[in-house]
Amino acid sequence: MKLTIFDIENWKEIGATLLRNKTRTILTGFGIFWGVAMLALLTGGARGGGDMLRRNFAGFATNTGGVVAENTTIPFKGYQKGRGWSMNLSDAEVIRVAFPELEAVVPTFQRWGISFAHGKNSFSGQLVGAEADYTKILYPRLYEGRFINESDVSGERRVAVIGKKVASQLFPDGSSPLGKLVEISNTPYSIVGVCGDTSEVHLNGSLDEGVVIPSSTFRRVFGYGDKVDFLMISGRPEAKLSEILPRIRTLLYRRHDIHPADQGAAWIINIAESFEQIGVVFTGIDILAWFIGISTLLAGVIGIGNIMWVIVKERTQEIGIRRAIGATPRDIIVQVMSEGMALTLIFGLCGVCFAALILAVMQHTTNPPDAVAVAHFQMSFAGAMTILGIFLLLGTLAGLLPSLKAMKIKPIEAINAK
């Protein structure tokens, strides 16, 4: 008599054995099912949650920062604290030269509460003066037309890119704004594009609710001279902004006679640091997910081992008879371990399918049609098979000790066992 895992009669017998103890089989199977499902849900959920959080920063270059001038908080060189100061265009040029590791240094200008009008329709929002390199740091979503370019800036053109919400208010009939005029503080500008935010986090106000014009035009119209409201900075991939931004602060303080220790005189923004923190957080979440999942998985494996012990004990006489009619120790080991494999495979597949269904629902509900990036809650086929394979291996090993015990049963003692 020779039993193999490919023997149909062997698998029929395994099924009959498991069905004779339905309650115990179902309870053990549920432990396997839940262990696989939990591990799959936790790993898939952690990945999707990370994608959702990263989606908030989808509209930024990852290695980005910025500087905003604030009032001083420490007296220095005869100046009292509370002194206001401003960055200027020469500061931006000096920073470009002094820090070649920076990809872009973009001075920007803004005013709030500006009136935008077209015919009888009006809207009040933010006006931004931007250079062409603005899109190297912030990635606006273009719905129509184009963004501000170098020719607009060098020619001080009166052109405007209006936000999506501004367009809906000024053109409620849904007509295209391109080529039409928008009045900004009673001055007409030709509309060349419609844009909007690509993320839920705003570095310089919401583009949906604002209008962008060339920086040179902005400075001329509002008499800015060389004053800069906000200095946006983007580093090259190898650049570390956490090291560069303090050096930029030092350079600006030296140029504007500000105390070196005055942390409140400039607001430093480091988006790159936020990206790094997100990465660390979700690495920790991934580790926690695997720890919880594997702990649940081991609980299921222990359940498999227990049921195999009970099965071997209940079938002592049967095993003795098999040994007496010629079954080898290998046959007995394969028989017992095959039962553990069957239990693990059936309920493990159910767990994978259940987790895939739940993750599919989560992915559908968390990804609206206009989402800028997809949150991937679904696990890959390879990932699902890896989880199932790990569980199958451990489940098979869980049946090893009971099968070795069964192999050592002596036929005469087993037949006489009660």
Protein backbone atom coordinates (compact mmCIF):
# COMPACT_ATOMS: atom_id res chain seq x y z
CA MET A 1 0.00 0.00 0.00
CA LYS A 2 1.46 3.28 -1.06
CA LEU A 3 -0.03 6.65 -0.32
CA THR A 4 0.95 9.84 -2.12
CA ILE A 5 -0.41 13.35 -2.15
CA PHE A 6 -1.65 12.68 -5.68
CA ASP A 7 -3.75 9.69 -4.64
CA ILE A 8 -7.45 10.58 -5.19
CA GLU A 9 -8.60 7.92 -2.73
CA ASN A 10 -6.28 9.41 -0.14
CA TRP A 11 -7.88 12.85 -0.54
CA LYS A 12 -11.36 11.35 -0.32
CA GLU A 13 -10.38 9.76 2.95
CA ILE A 14 -8.97 13.04 4.22
CA GLY A 15 -12.26 14.77 3.39
CA ALA A 16 -14.26 12.11 5.18
CA THR A 17 -12.01 12.37 8.26
CA LEU A 18 -12.39 16.15 8.47
CA LEU A 19 -16.16 15.97 7.93
CA ARG A 20 -16.60 13.49 10.77
CA ASN A 21 -15.54 16.24 13.18
CA LYS A 22 -17.33 19.22 11.63
CA THR A 23 -17.28 21.51 14.67
CA ARG A 24 -13.59 21.03 15.40
CA THR A 25 -12.69 21.32 11.70
CA ILE A 26 -14.71 24.54 11.30
CA LEU A 27 -13.26 26.15 14.43
CA THR A 28 -9.71 25.28 13.42
CA GLY A 29 -10.42 26.32 9.84
CA PHE A 30 -11.75 29.68 11.03
CA GLY A 31 -8.46 30.32 12.82
CA ILE A 32 -6.63 29.70 9.54
CA PHE A 33 -9.15 31.78 7.57
CA TRP A 34 -8.91 34.70 9.97
CA GLY A 35 -5.12 34.56 10.20
CA VAL A 36 -4.68 34.71 6.41
CA ALA A 37 -7.40 37.36 6.01
CA MET A 38 -5.97 39.56 8.77
CA LEU A 39 -2.44 39.42 7.36
CA ALA A 40 -3.70 40.24 3.85
CA LEU A 41 -5.99 43.03 5.08
CA LEU A 42 -3.31 44.61 7.25
CA THR A 43 -0.65 44.60 4.54
CA GLY A 44 -3.05 45.76 1.81
CA GLY A 45 -4.64 48.34 4.10
CA ALA A 46 -1.26 49.73 5.18
CA ARG A 47 -0.26 50.16 1.54
CA GLY A 48 -3.55 51.86 0.64
CA GLY A 49 -3.43 54.13 3.68
CA GLY A 50 0.09 55.19 2.74
CA ASP A 51 -1.02 55.97 -0.81
CA MET A 52 -3.91 58.08 0.52
CA LEU A 53 -1.61 60.13 2.74
CA ARG A 54 0.95 60.56 -0.02
CA ARG A 55 -1.86 61.65 -2.34
CA ASN A 56 -2.21 64.79 -0.21
CA PHE A 57 1.27 65.81 -1.38
CA ALA A 58 0.80 64.75 -5.01
CA GLY A 59 0.97 68.35 -6.23
CA PHE A 60 4.46 69.02 -4.90
CA ALA A 61 7.99 68.22 -5.94
CA THR A 62 9.09 65.85 -3.18
CA ASN A 63 12.27 67.77 -2.34
CA THR A 64 10.64 71.15 -1.76
CA GLY A 65 10.78 73.91 0.83
CA GLY A 66 10.11 77.59 1.28
CA VAL A 67 10.94 80.73 3.25
CA VAL A 68 8.60 83.49 4.42
CA ALA A 69 9.89 86.64 6.17
CA GLU A 70 8.41 87.37 9.63
CA ASN A 71 8.99 90.07 12.24
CA THR A 72 12.20 89.76 14.24
CA THR A 73 12.01 88.55 17.84
CA ILE A 74 15.54 89.46 19.04
CA PRO A 75 17.14 92.97 19.03
CA PHE A 76 20.26 93.14 16.88
CA LYS A 77 22.72 95.85 15.75
CA GLY A 78 20.61 98.69 17.14
CA TYR A 79 17.32 97.35 15.72
CA GLN A 80 14.50 96.62 18.17
CA LYS A 81 12.68 93.32 18.13
CA GLY A 82 9.48 93.28 16.11
CA ARG A 83 11.16 94.86 13.10
CA GLY A 84 9.65 93.84 9.79
CA TRP A 85 11.87 92.84 6.89
CA SER A 86 11.38 91.47 3.39
CA MET A 87 13.30 89.22 1.05
CA ASN A 88 14.11 90.61 -2.37
CA LEU A 89 14.98 89.42 -5.86
CA SER A 90 18.70 89.82 -5.22
CA ASP A 91 18.36 87.40 -2.30
CA ALA A 92 16.89 84.85 -4.69
CA GLU A 93 19.77 85.34 -7.16
CA VAL A 94 22.41 85.04 -4.42
CA ILE A 95 20.81 81.80 -3.21
CA ARG A 96 20.79 80.38 -6.76
CA VAL A 97 24.52 81.03 -7.06
CA ALA A 98 25.47 79.96 -3.53
CA PHE A 99 23.53 76.67 -3.62
CA PRO A 100 24.07 74.85 -6.94
CA GLU A 101 22.43 71.76 -5.40
CA LEU A 102 19.10 73.55 -5.74
CA GLU A 103 17.09 72.85 -8.88
CA ALA A 104 14.82 75.90 -8.64
CA VAL A 105 14.57 79.09 -6.57
CA VAL A 106 11.24 80.73 -7.32
CA PRO A 107 10.20 84.12 -5.87
CA THR A 108 6.40 84.40 -5.65
CA PHE A 109 4.04 87.21 -4.77
CA GLN A 110 0.49 87.16 -3.50
CA ARG A 111 -2.38 89.33 -2.35
CA TRP A 112 -5.59 88.22 -0.72
CA GLY A 113 -9.10 89.54 -1.12
CA ILE A 114 -8.58 90.65 -4.72
CA SER A 115 -11.72 91.16 -6.82
CA PHE A 116 -12.04 89.20 -10.07
CA ALA A 117 -14.90 90.05 -12.43
CA HIS A 118 -16.32 89.14 -15.82
CA GLY A 119 -19.41 91.04 -16.86
CA LYS A 120 -21.87 90.96 -13.95
CA ASN A 121 -20.17 88.02 -12.26
CA SER A 122 -17.46 88.47 -9.65
CA PHE A 123 -15.36 86.50 -7.19
CA SER A 124 -12.95 87.49 -4.42
CA GLY A 125 -9.81 85.43 -3.88
CA GLN A 126 -6.02 85.23 -3.95
CA LEU A 127 -3.89 86.75 -6.69
CA VAL A 128 -0.49 85.10 -7.26
CA GLY A 129 2.43 86.48 -9.21
CA ALA A 130 4.45 83.53 -10.52
CA GLU A 131 7.44 82.78 -12.69
CA ALA A 132 7.61 80.02 -15.29
CA ASP A 133 9.61 77.83 -12.86
CA TYR A 134 6.59 77.83 -10.53
CA THR A 135 5.55 74.51 -12.08
CA LYS A 136 8.87 72.90 -11.10
CA ILE A 137 7.75 73.07 -7.48
CA LEU A 138 3.96 73.04 -7.58
CA TYR A 139 2.22 70.91 -10.19
CA PRO A 140 -1.04 72.67 -11.07
CA ARG A 141 -3.74 70.64 -12.77
CA LEU A 142 -4.51 72.28 -16.10
CA TYR A 143 -8.11 71.94 -17.24
CA GLU A 144 -7.77 74.21 -20.24
CA GLY A 145 -5.09 76.23 -21.96
CA ARG A 146 -1.62 76.70 -20.50
CA PHE A 147 0.25 78.09 -17.52
CA ILE A 148 2.43 81.23 -17.23
CA ASN A 149 5.60 80.98 -19.38
CA GLU A 150 8.89 82.82 -19.81
CA SER A 151 7.53 85.08 -22.56
CA ASP A 152 4.69 86.21 -20.28
CA VAL A 153 7.17 87.16 -17.55
CA SER A 154 9.77 88.84 -19.78
CA GLY A 155 7.10 90.78 -21.66
CA GLU A 156 5.11 91.76 -18.54
CA ARG A 157 2.01 90.54 -20.31
CA ARG A 158 -1.48 91.03 -18.92
CA VAL A 159 -2.45 87.38 -19.07
CA ALA A 160 -4.06 85.27 -16.35
CA VAL A 161 -4.56 81.64 -15.42
CA ILE A 162 -7.75 81.40 -13.38
CA GLY A 163 -8.66 78.75 -10.82
CA LYS A 164 -11.36 76.17 -11.44
CA LYS A 165 -13.68 77.64 -8.80
CA VAL A 166 -13.09 81.16 -10.10
CA ALA A 167 -14.01 79.96 -13.60
CA SER A 168 -17.23 78.37 -12.36
CA GLN A 169 -18.24 81.65 -10.66
CA LEU A 170 -17.29 83.98 -13.49
CA PHE A 171 -18.61 81.72 -16.26
CA PRO A 172 -21.63 79.97 -14.70
CA ASP A 173 -22.95 78.94 -18.13
CA GLY A 174 -20.04 76.52 -18.47
CA SER A 175 -18.53 78.25 -21.51
CA SER A 176 -14.78 78.17 -22.03
CA PRO A 177 -12.98 81.15 -20.45
CA LEU A 178 -10.00 80.92 -22.83
CA GLY A 179 -9.39 84.12 -24.76
CA LYS A 180 -11.91 86.08 -22.71
CA LEU A 181 -11.16 88.89 -20.28
CA VAL A 182 -11.14 88.89 -16.51
CA GLU A 183 -10.94 92.17 -14.61
CA ILE A 184 -8.46 92.08 -11.73
CA SER A 185 -8.87 95.14 -9.54
CA ASN A 186 -10.60 96.83 -12.51
CA THR A 187 -7.73 96.00 -14.93
CA PRO A 188 -8.48 93.59 -17.82
CA TYR A 189 -6.36 90.46 -18.33
CA SER A 190 -6.66 87.88 -21.09
CA ILE A 191 -7.37 84.37 -19.80
CA VAL A 192 -4.87 81.82 -21.15
CA GLY A 193 -5.64 78.86 -18.89
CA VAL A 194 -7.80 77.27 -16.21
CA CYS A 195 -6.01 75.40 -13.45
CA GLY A 196 -6.64 73.80 -10.08
CA ASP A 197 -5.05 72.08 -7.12
CA THR A 198 -3.61 68.61 -7.51
CA SER A 199 -3.52 67.89 -3.77
CA GLU A 200 -5.37 68.68 -0.59
CA VAL A 201 -2.32 70.40 0.92
CA HIS A 202 -1.59 73.97 -0.19
CA LEU A 203 1.87 75.49 0.00
CA ASN A 204 0.90 78.93 -1.26
CA GLY A 205 -2.89 79.08 -1.07
CA SER A 206 -5.46 77.24 -3.16
CA LEU A 207 -5.12 77.52 -6.94
CA ASP A 208 -8.80 76.56 -7.29
CA GLU A 209 -9.80 79.84 -5.64
CA GLY A 210 -7.14 82.13 -7.08
CA VAL A 211 -5.75 83.70 -10.21
CA VAL A 212 -2.12 83.53 -11.38
CA ILE A 213 -0.46 86.30 -13.42
CA PRO A 214 3.20 86.82 -14.45
CA SER A 215 5.39 87.88 -11.54
CA SER A 216 6.77 90.88 -13.48
CA THR A 217 3.24 92.12 -14.20
CA PHE A 218 2.27 91.67 -10.55
CA ARG A 219 5.28 93.67 -9.31
CA ARG A 220 4.64 96.52 -11.76
CA VAL A 221 0.91 96.78 -11.08
CA PHE A 222 1.23 96.71 -7.29
CA GLY A 223 4.47 98.68 -7.04
CA TYR A 224 6.40 95.86 -5.40
CA GLY A 225 9.83 96.82 -6.65
CA ASP A 226 12.12 93.87 -5.84
CA LYS A 227 10.24 92.74 -2.71
CA VAL A 228 9.45 89.00 -2.48
CA ASP A 229 6.56 87.59 -0.42
CA PHE A 230 7.45 83.92 -0.54
CA LEU A 231 10.60 82.16 -1.72
CA MET A 232 9.95 78.62 -2.93
CA ILE A 233 12.89 76.22 -3.22
CA SER A 234 13.31 72.84 -4.89
CA GLY A 235 16.40 70.68 -4.40
CA ARG A 236 17.95 68.23 -6.78
CA PRO A 237 17.29 64.54 -5.96
CA GLU A 238 20.54 64.15 -4.01
CA ALA A 239 20.14 67.44 -2.09
CA LYS A 240 19.16 67.37 1.60
CA LEU A 241 16.93 70.36 2.33
CA SER A 242 17.16 69.70 6.07
CA GLU A 243 20.82 70.80 5.76
CA ILE A 244 20.35 73.47 3.08
CA LEU A 245 17.45 75.46 4.58
CA PRO A 246 19.31 76.41 7.81
CA ARG A 247 22.22 77.64 5.66
CA ILE A 248 19.79 79.72 3.56
CA ARG A 249 18.36 81.19 6.77
CA THR A 250 21.89 82.12 7.90
CA LEU A 251 22.64 83.76 4.55
CA LEU A 252 19.41 85.80 4.62
CA TYR A 253 19.94 86.86 8.25
CA ARG A 254 23.45 88.06 7.44
CA ARG A 255 22.19 90.06 4.44
CA HIS A 256 19.36 91.70 6.43
CA ASP A 257 21.08 92.27 9.82
CA ILE A 258 19.03 89.75 11.80
CA HIS A 259 20.31 87.98 14.92
CA PRO A 260 21.66 84.50 13.97
CA ALA A 261 19.68 82.88 16.80
CA ASP A 262 16.35 84.54 15.88
CA GLN A 263 14.29 81.50 14.89
CA GLY A 264 11.08 83.54 14.65
CA ALA A 265 12.28 86.01 12.03
CA ALA A 266 11.67 83.56 9.17
CA TRP A 267 9.14 80.79 8.65
CA ILE A 268 10.93 77.82 7.14
CA ILE A 269 8.83 75.19 5.35
CA ASN A 270 10.33 71.77 4.60
CA ILE A 271 8.00 69.58 2.54
CA ALA A 272 10.83 67.07 1.99
CA GLU A 273 10.94 66.44 5.73
CA SER A 274 7.21 65.71 5.73
CA PHE A 275 7.71 63.13 2.98
CA GLU A 276 10.47 61.47 5.01
CA GLN A 277 8.28 61.38 8.12
CA ILE A 278 5.46 59.80 6.13
CA GLY A 279 7.85 57.13 4.91
CA VAL A 280 9.03 56.36 8.46
CA VAL A 281 5.46 56.22 9.78
CA PHE A 282 4.30 53.77 7.14
CA THR A 283 7.40 51.61 7.49
CA GLY A 284 6.42 51.28 11.15
CA ILE A 285 2.81 50.55 10.20
CA ASP A 286 3.97 47.86 7.74
CA ILE A 287 6.09 46.23 10.44
CA LEU A 288 3.18 46.37 12.92
CA ALA A 289 0.81 44.92 10.31
CA TRP A 290 3.13 42.00 9.65
CA PHE A 291 3.67 41.43 13.39
CA ILE A 292 -0.07 41.33 14.13
CA GLY A 293 -0.77 39.25 11.04
CA ILE A 294 1.94 36.71 11.76
CA SER A 295 0.83 36.47 15.38
CA THR A 296 -2.70 35.69 14.19
CA LEU A 297 -1.26 33.28 11.65
CA LEU A 298 0.72 31.41 14.32
CA ALA A 299 -2.42 31.08 16.41
CA GLY A 300 -4.08 29.35 13.46
CA VAL A 301 -1.05 27.10 12.94
CA ILE A 302 -1.14 26.04 16.57
CA GLY A 303 -4.80 25.17 16.05
CA ILE A 304 -3.82 22.94 13.12
CA GLY A 305 -1.25 21.17 15.28
CA ASN A 306 -3.82 20.59 18.01
CA ILE A 307 -6.40 19.10 15.68
CA MET A 308 -3.76 16.84 14.15
CA TRP A 309 -2.84 15.56 17.63
CA VAL A 310 -6.49 14.80 18.33
CA ILE A 311 -6.96 13.11 14.95
CA VAL A 312 -3.92 10.91 15.49
CA LYS A 313 -5.16 9.93 18.96
CA GLU A 314 -8.68 9.11 17.71
CA ARG A 315 -7.34 7.08 14.79
CA THR A 316 -4.76 5.06 16.73
CA GLN A 317 -6.45 1.76 15.93
CA GLU A 318 -6.91 2.68 12.28
CA ILE A 319 -3.23 3.60 11.99
CA GLY A 320 -2.29 0.31 13.64
CA ILE A 321 -4.36 -1.64 11.13
CA ARG A 322 -2.74 0.28 8.25
CA ARG A 323 0.69 -0.57 9.61
CA ALA A 324 -0.32 -4.21 10.00
CA ILE A 325 -1.39 -4.55 6.37
CA GLY A 326 1.77 -3.00 5.01
CA ALA A 327 1.62 0.79 5.27
CA THR A 328 5.11 2.23 5.64
CA PRO A 329 6.03 5.04 8.11
CA ARG A 330 6.24 7.36 5.09
CA ASP A 331 2.65 6.50 4.15
CA ILE A 332 1.45 7.41 7.64
CA ILE A 333 3.39 10.72 7.65
CA VAL A 334 1.98 11.71 4.25
CA GLN A 335 -1.54 10.79 5.37
CA VAL A 336 -1.49 12.94 8.50
CA MET A 337 0.39 15.87 6.96
CA SER A 338 -1.93 15.86 3.95
CA GLU A 339 -4.86 16.49 6.28
CA GLY A 340 -3.12 19.59 7.66
CA MET A 341 -2.32 20.78 4.14
CA ALA A 342 -5.92 20.31 3.02
CA LEU A 343 -7.26 22.25 6.01
CA THR A 344 -4.77 25.08 5.46
CA LEU A 345 -5.27 25.29 1.70
CA ILE A 346 -9.08 25.36 1.76
CA PHE A 347 -9.53 27.89 4.55
CA GLY A 348 -6.43 29.87 3.50
CA LEU A 349 -7.86 30.40 0.02
CA CYS A 350 -11.14 31.51 1.57
CA GLY A 351 -9.22 34.01 3.71
CA VAL A 352 -7.36 35.42 0.68
CA CYS A 353 -10.61 35.77 -1.31
CA PHE A 354 -12.36 37.47 1.62
CA ALA A 355 -9.48 39.93 2.09
CA ALA A 356 -9.36 40.67 -1.65
CA LEU A 357 -13.09 41.46 -1.62
CA ILE A 358 -12.83 43.82 1.36
CA LEU A 359 -9.76 45.56 -0.11
CA ALA A 360 -11.55 45.97 -3.46
CA VAL A 361 -14.46 47.69 -1.70
CA MET A 362 -12.04 49.97 0.19
CA GLN A 363 -10.21 50.87 -3.02
CA HIS A 364 -13.46 51.69 -4.80
CA THR A 365 -14.80 53.90 -2.00
CA THR A 366 -11.54 55.80 -1.38
CA ASN A 367 -10.74 56.65 -5.01
CA PRO A 368 -13.16 59.21 -6.47
CA PRO A 369 -13.10 59.71 -10.26
CA ASP A 370 -11.17 62.99 -9.94
CA ALA A 371 -8.51 61.62 -7.57
CA VAL A 372 -5.02 62.81 -8.50
CA ALA A 373 -3.50 59.45 -7.56
CA VAL A 374 -4.91 55.99 -6.90
CA ALA A 375 -4.73 54.54 -3.38
CA HIS A 376 -3.82 50.89 -4.00
CA PHE A 377 -5.62 48.87 -1.35
CA GLN A 378 -5.56 45.72 -3.45
CA MET A 379 -2.73 43.30 -2.78
CA SER A 380 -0.85 41.82 -5.71
CA PHE A 381 -1.39 38.22 -6.82
CA ALA A 382 2.22 37.44 -5.87
CA GLY A 383 1.63 38.93 -2.40
CA ALA A 384 -1.52 36.87 -1.90
CA MET A 385 0.22 33.67 -2.99
CA THR A 386 3.18 34.47 -0.72
CA ILE A 387 0.88 34.81 2.30
CA LEU A 388 -0.94 31.61 1.38
CA GLY A 389 2.36 29.82 0.74
CA ILE A 390 3.74 30.86 4.14
CA PHE A 391 0.60 29.64 5.86
CA LEU A 392 0.60 26.39 3.87
CA LEU A 393 4.22 25.72 4.81
CA LEU A 394 3.61 26.42 8.48
CA GLY A 395 0.39 24.43 8.45
CA THR A 396 2.22 21.47 6.92
CA LEU A 397 4.99 21.72 9.51
CA ALA A 398 2.33 21.91 12.24
CA GLY A 399 1.24 18.42 11.23
CA LEU A 400 4.80 17.09 11.31
CA LEU A 401 5.02 16.25 15.03
CA PRO A 402 1.63 14.51 15.13
CA SER A 403 2.59 12.55 12.00
CA LEU A 404 5.89 11.46 13.57
CA LYS A 405 3.94 10.30 16.62
CA ALA A 406 1.62 8.34 14.33
CA MET A 407 4.59 6.75 12.58
CA LYS A 408 5.90 5.37 15.89
CA ILE A 409 2.63 3.62 16.77
CA LYS A 410 3.19 -0.15 16.93
CA PRO A 411 0.54 -2.18 15.12
CA ILE A 412 -0.18 -4.61 17.98
CA GLU A 413 -0.47 -1.84 20.60
CA ALA A 414 -2.63 0.28 18.29
CA ILE A 415 -5.09 -2.55 17.52
CA ASN A 416 -5.53 -3.23 21.24
CA ALA A 417 -5.85 0.47 22.14
CA LYS A 418 -9.22 1.66 23.47
